[in-house]
C-alpha atoms as a PDB file:
ATOM      1  CA  MET A   1       0.000   0.000   0.000  1.00  0.00           C
ATOM      2  CA  PRO A   2       1.435   3.412  -0.924  1.00  0.00           C
ATOM      3  CA  LYS A   3       2.232   5.848   1.838  1.00  0.00           C
ATOM      4  CA  GLY A   4      -0.035   8.855   2.299  1.00  0.00           C
ATOM      5  CA  ARG A   5      -3.706   9.458   1.719  1.00  0.00           C
ATOM      6  CA  TYR A   6      -5.441   9.556  -1.610  1.00  0.00           C
ATOM      7  CA  LYS A   7      -7.070  12.763  -2.714  1.00  0.00           C
ATOM      8  CA  ILE A   8     -10.726  12.360  -3.697  1.00  0.00           C
ATOM      9  CA  LEU A   9     -11.628  14.253  -6.880  1.00  0.00           C
ATOM     10  CA  PHE A  10     -15.184  14.369  -8.195  1.00  0.00           C
ATOM     11  CA  GLN A  11     -16.163  14.793 -11.798  1.00  0.00           C
ATOM     12  CA  ARG A  12     -18.566  17.715 -11.988  1.00  0.00           C
ATOM     13  CA  SER A  13     -21.543  15.462 -12.733  1.00  0.00           C
ATOM     14  CA  ALA A  14     -20.645  13.111  -9.869  1.00  0.00           C
ATOM     15  CA  TYR A  15     -20.496  16.026  -7.441  1.00  0.00           C
ATOM     16  CA  LYS A  16     -23.977  17.137  -8.526  1.00  0.00           C
ATOM     17  CA  GLU A  17     -25.210  13.584  -8.003  1.00  0.00           C
ATOM     18  CA  TYR A  18     -23.575  13.575  -4.566  1.00  0.00           C
ATOM     19  CA  GLN A  19     -25.284  16.817  -3.569  1.00  0.00           C
ATOM     20  CA  SER A  20     -28.686  15.513  -4.642  1.00  0.00           C
ATOM     21  CA  LEU A  21     -28.478  12.383  -2.468  1.00  0.00           C
ATOM     22  CA  PRO A  22     -30.719  12.094   0.598  1.00  0.00           C
ATOM     23  CA  LYS A  23     -28.906  13.216   3.733  1.00  0.00           C
ATOM     24  CA  ALA A  24     -28.773   9.745   5.331  1.00  0.00           C
ATOM     25  CA  VAL A  25     -27.282   8.250   2.164  1.00  0.00           C
ATOM     26  CA  ARG A  26     -24.812  11.121   1.853  1.00  0.00           C
ATOM     27  CA  LEU A  27     -23.497  10.386   5.365  1.00  0.00           C
ATOM     28  CA  ARG A  28     -22.902   6.745   4.425  1.00  0.00           C
ATOM     29  CA  VAL A  29     -21.226   7.824   1.171  1.00  0.00           C
ATOM     30  CA  ASP A  30     -18.958  10.128   3.200  1.00  0.00           C
ATOM     31  CA  GLN A  31     -17.878   7.148   5.308  1.00  0.00           C
ATOM     32  CA  ALA A  32     -17.111   5.130   2.186  1.00  0.00           C
ATOM     33  CA  LEU A  33     -15.149   8.048   0.700  1.00  0.00           C
ATOM     34  CA  GLU A  34     -13.121   8.260   3.901  1.00  0.00           C
ATOM     35  CA  ILE A  35     -12.077   4.621   3.475  1.00  0.00           C
ATOM     36  CA  LEU A  36     -11.386   5.268  -0.219  1.00  0.00           C
ATOM     37  CA  SER A  37      -8.999   8.063   0.734  1.00  0.00           C
ATOM     38  CA  ILE A  38      -7.004   5.633   2.875  1.00  0.00           C
ATOM     39  CA  ASP A  39      -6.948   2.687   0.447  1.00  0.00           C
ATOM     40  CA  PRO A  40      -9.182   2.595  -2.668  1.00  0.00           C
ATOM     41  CA  LEU A  41      -8.683  -1.143  -3.089  1.00  0.00           C
ATOM     42  CA  SER A  42      -9.381  -2.052   0.530  1.00  0.00           C
ATOM     43  CA  GLU A  43     -11.158  -5.351   1.105  1.00  0.00           C
ATOM     44  CA  VAL A  44     -13.334  -3.531   3.655  1.00  0.00           C
ATOM     45  CA  LEU A  45     -15.114  -1.799   0.762  1.00  0.00           C
ATOM     46  CA  ARG A  46     -15.832  -5.072  -1.082  1.00  0.00           C
ATOM     47  CA  PHE A  47     -15.128  -3.313  -4.360  1.00  0.00           C
ATOM     48  CA  LYS A  48     -15.752  -4.930  -7.723  1.00  0.00           C
ATOM     49  CA  LYS A  49     -14.054  -4.228 -11.018  1.00  0.00           C
ATOM     50  CA  ILE A  50     -16.336  -2.960 -13.764  1.00  0.00           C
ATOM     51  CA  ARG A  51     -16.146  -5.190 -16.818  1.00  0.00           C
ATOM     52  CA  GLY A  52     -15.089  -3.515 -20.036  1.00  0.00           C
ATOM     53  CA  LYS A  53     -13.355  -0.620 -18.286  1.00  0.00           C
ATOM     54  CA  GLU A  54      -9.618  -0.472 -17.753  1.00  0.00           C
ATOM     55  CA  ASN A  55      -9.328   0.923 -14.222  1.00  0.00           C
ATOM     56  CA  HIS A  56     -12.883   1.418 -12.940  1.00  0.00           C
ATOM     57  CA  TYR A  57     -14.361  -0.056  -9.781  1.00  0.00           C
ATOM     58  CA  ARG A  58     -17.616   0.206  -7.896  1.00  0.00           C
ATOM     59  CA  ILE A  59     -18.617  -0.062  -4.280  1.00  0.00           C
ATOM     60  CA  ARG A  60     -22.034  -0.526  -2.749  1.00  0.00           C
ATOM     61  CA  VAL A  61     -23.541   1.889  -0.272  1.00  0.00           C
ATOM     62  CA  GLY A  62     -26.954   0.368   0.375  1.00  0.00           C
ATOM     63  CA  ASP A  63     -28.945   0.740  -2.849  1.00  0.00           C
ATOM     64  CA  TYR A  64     -26.457   3.308  -4.168  1.00  0.00           C
ATOM     65  CA  ARG A  65     -23.204   2.778  -6.032  1.00  0.00           C
ATOM     66  CA  ILE A  66     -19.993   4.793  -6.216  1.00  0.00           C
ATOM     67  CA  ILE A  67     -18.048   4.295  -9.439  1.00  0.00           C
ATOM     68  CA  TYR A  68     -14.433   5.401  -9.173  1.00  0.00           C
ATOM     69  CA  SER A  69     -11.022   5.116 -10.738  1.00  0.00           C
ATOM     70  CA  PRO A  70      -7.916   5.006  -8.501  1.00  0.00           C
ATOM     71  CA  GLN A  71      -4.620   6.398  -9.783  1.00  0.00           C
ATOM     72  CA  THR A  72      -1.995   4.895  -7.507  1.00  0.00           C
ATOM     73  CA  ALA A  73       0.984   6.731  -9.012  1.00  0.00           C
ATOM     74  CA  THR A  74      -0.447  10.164  -8.124  1.00  0.00           C
ATOM     75  CA  LEU A  75      -2.538   9.107  -5.074  1.00  0.00           C
ATOM     76  CA  ILE A  76      -5.804  10.301  -6.607  1.00  0.00           C
ATOM     77  CA  VAL A  77      -9.223   8.649  -6.585  1.00  0.00           C
ATOM     78  CA  ARG A  78     -11.496  10.062  -9.286  1.00  0.00           C
ATOM     79  CA  VAL A  79     -15.203   9.624  -8.465  1.00  0.00           C
ATOM     80  CA  ILE A  80     -17.005   9.180 -11.770  1.00  0.00           C
ATOM     81  CA  ARG A  81     -20.628   8.483 -10.802  1.00  0.00           C
ATOM     82  CA  ILE A  82     -22.750   8.204  -7.668  1.00  0.00           C
ATOM     83  CA  GLY A  83     -26.294   7.026  -8.001  1.00  0.00           C
ATOM     84  CA  HIS A  84     -29.032   4.521  -7.339  1.00  0.00           C
ATOM     85  CA  ARG A  85     -28.252   1.020  -8.503  1.00  0.00           C
ATOM     86  CA  LYS A  86     -31.117   0.987 -11.012  1.00  0.00           C
ATOM     87  CA  ASP A  87     -29.643   3.724 -13.189  1.00  0.00           C
ATOM     88  CA  VAL A  88     -26.042   4.437 -12.173  1.00  0.00           C
ATOM     89  CA  TYR A  89     -24.635   2.303 -15.001  1.00  0.00           C
ATOM     90  CA  ARG A  90     -26.570   4.126 -17.743  1.00  0.00           C
ATOM     91  CA  HIS A  91     -24.607   6.690 -19.753  1.00  0.00           C
ATOM     92  CA  PHE A  92     -21.375   5.379 -18.351  1.00  0.00           C
END
């Protein structure tokens, strides 16, 4: 595991999705993002690789999903989408 914390960067659309989440869900997403900043490939998150994408993963937060791409060389985690499981994979 690399030393230091990862910086969480949102795509503009993902940040808008984050802001529109219900408050209770947003608190749980914040907890998941905290773990992501420590280690984006932590087994605690039970992440799964997204098929067909080079370096994209998803984690579950209840009925919501966070799709992200870790960049280990620069210690950055780019959050690509946050949304309900029924439509988070559309337009991705």
